[in-house]
C-alpha atoms as a PDB file:
ATOM      1  CA  MET A   1      85.524 110.892 102.653  1.00  0.00           C
ATOM      2  CA  SER A   2      89.186 110.553 101.423  1.00  0.00           C
ATOM      3  CA  ILE A   3      91.575 112.044 103.672  1.00  0.00           C
ATOM      4  CA  PRO A   4      94.967 112.906 101.696  1.00  0.00           C
ATOM      5  CA  LEU A   5      98.372 111.856 103.248  1.00  0.00           C
ATOM      6  CA  LEU A   6     100.714 113.037 100.548  1.00  0.00           C
ATOM      7  CA  ASP A   7     100.244 115.553  98.293  1.00  0.00           C
ATOM      8  CA  HIS A   8     102.072 113.376  95.785  1.00  0.00           C
ATOM      9  CA  PRO A   9     103.086 110.172  95.430  1.00  0.00           C
ATOM     10  CA  ILE A  10     106.903 108.982  96.909  1.00  0.00           C
ATOM     11  CA  GLN A  11     108.419 106.519  95.158  1.00  0.00           C
ATOM     12  CA  GLU A  12     110.442 104.199  97.410  1.00  0.00           C
ATOM     13  CA  LYS A  13     113.893 103.163  95.896  1.00  0.00           C
ATOM     14  CA  LEU A  14     114.866  99.612  96.666  1.00  0.00           C
ATOM     15  CA  VAL A  15     117.369  97.318  95.663  1.00  0.00           C
ATOM     16  CA  THR A  16     117.292  93.309  96.203  1.00  0.00           C
ATOM     17  CA  VAL A  17     121.036  90.976  96.389  1.00  0.00           C
ATOM     18  CA  ALA A  18     120.536  87.195  96.081  1.00  0.00           C
ATOM     19  CA  ASP A  19     122.983  84.736  97.700  1.00  0.00           C
ATOM     20  CA  VAL A  20     124.746  87.794 100.086  1.00  0.00           C
ATOM     21  CA  SER A  21     126.469  85.722 102.901  1.00  0.00           C
ATOM     22  CA  TRP A  22     126.751  87.121 106.307  1.00  0.00           C
ATOM     23  CA  GLU A  23     130.223  88.297 106.045  1.00  0.00           C
ATOM     24  CA  GLU A  24     129.760  90.223 102.915  1.00  0.00           C
ATOM     25  CA  PHE A  25     126.598  91.770 104.434  1.00  0.00           C
ATOM     26  CA  LYS A  26     128.324  92.858 107.684  1.00  0.00           C
ATOM     27  CA  GLY A  27     130.838  93.704 104.887  1.00  0.00           C
ATOM     28  CA  ILE A  28     128.754  95.941 103.179  1.00  0.00           C
ATOM     29  CA  GLU A  29     127.228  97.339 106.403  1.00  0.00           C
ATOM     30  CA  ALA A  30     130.797  98.937 108.036  1.00  0.00           C
ATOM     31  CA  GLN A  31     131.702  99.978 104.967  1.00  0.00           C
ATOM     32  CA  LEU A  32     127.685 102.547 104.911  1.00  0.00           C
ATOM     33  CA  LYS A  33     127.549 102.597 108.129  1.00  0.00           C
ATOM     34  CA  ASP A  34     127.794 106.620 108.491  1.00  0.00           C
ATOM     35  CA  ASN A  35     125.496 106.785 105.335  1.00  0.00           C
ATOM     36  CA  ARG A  36     122.359 108.084 106.458  1.00  0.00           C
ATOM     37  CA  ASN A  37     120.897 107.992 103.131  1.00  0.00           C
ATOM     38  CA  VAL A  38     120.973 103.965 103.208  1.00  0.00           C
ATOM     39  CA  ARG A  39     118.999 101.463 104.574  1.00  0.00           C
ATOM     40  CA  LEU A  40     120.614  98.216 104.956  1.00  0.00           C
ATOM     41  CA  SER A  41     118.001  94.496 105.163  1.00  0.00           C
ATOM     42  CA  TYR A  42     119.012  90.750 105.981  1.00  0.00           C
ATOM     43  CA  LEU A  43     117.336  87.910 105.435  1.00  0.00           C
ATOM     44  CA  SER A  44     118.401  84.336 104.371  1.00  0.00           C
ATOM     45  CA  GLY A  45     120.794  85.641 101.994  1.00  0.00           C
ATOM     46  CA  ILE A  46     119.225  88.496 100.403  1.00  0.00           C
ATOM     47  CA  LEU A  47     119.978  91.800 100.846  1.00  0.00           C
ATOM     48  CA  GLU A  48     117.717  94.996 100.169  1.00  0.00           C
ATOM     49  CA  ILE A  49     119.363  98.368 100.201  1.00  0.00           C
ATOM     50  CA  MET A  50     116.761 101.365 100.322  1.00  0.00           C
ATOM     51  CA  SER A  51     116.886 105.281 100.046  1.00  0.00           C
ATOM     52  CA  PRO A  52     114.953 106.384 103.176  1.00  0.00           C
ATOM     53  CA  ILE A  53     111.511 107.696 101.738  1.00  0.00           C
ATOM     54  CA  GLY A  54     111.333 110.724 103.407  1.00  0.00           C
ATOM     55  CA  GLU A  55     110.669 112.341 106.579  1.00  0.00           C
ATOM     56  CA  LYS A  56     107.177 112.348 105.543  1.00  0.00           C
ATOM     57  CA  HIS A  57     106.891 108.434 105.700  1.00  0.00           C
ATOM     58  CA  GLU A  58     108.904 108.856 108.642  1.00  0.00           C
ATOM     59  CA  ASP A  59     106.526 110.502 110.898  1.00  0.00           C
ATOM     60  CA  VAL A  60     103.395 108.516 109.549  1.00  0.00           C
ATOM     61  CA  LYS A  61     105.575 105.464 110.929  1.00  0.00           C
ATOM     62  CA  ARG A  62     106.531 107.168 113.647  1.00  0.00           C
ATOM     63  CA  THR A  63     102.602 107.948 114.443  1.00  0.00           C
ATOM     64  CA  LEU A  64     101.153 104.646 113.511  1.00  0.00           C
ATOM     65  CA  GLY A  65     103.508 103.118 116.122  1.00  0.00           C
ATOM     66  CA  TYR A  66     102.427 105.445 118.929  1.00  0.00           C
ATOM     67  CA  LEU A  67      98.834 104.198 118.060  1.00  0.00           C
ATOM     68  CA  LEU A  68      99.578 100.524 118.129  1.00  0.00           C
ATOM     69  CA  GLU A  69     101.817 101.162 121.297  1.00  0.00           C
ATOM     70  CA  ALA A  70      99.172 103.229 123.002  1.00  0.00           C
ATOM     71  CA  TYR A  71      96.049 100.368 122.097  1.00  0.00           C
ATOM     72  CA  ILE A  72      98.369  97.383 123.029  1.00  0.00           C
ATOM     73  CA  LYS A  73      98.661  99.056 126.999  1.00  0.00           C
END
């Protein structure tokens, strides 16, 4: 039995930039703070700039979070 989660696949949009200092990251983050169409991630000098996949993805993510929380308690 197969349960389709989405009617059509959604491609993630991701850009990775290496050698970014923490100060540069904080500057970029400040410039984009009002832009809800962009999400930033930073780890060890690598900056990832992502566009949200969509509301359906967020719903699935939230539901999985609730299930994990209920299981752990």
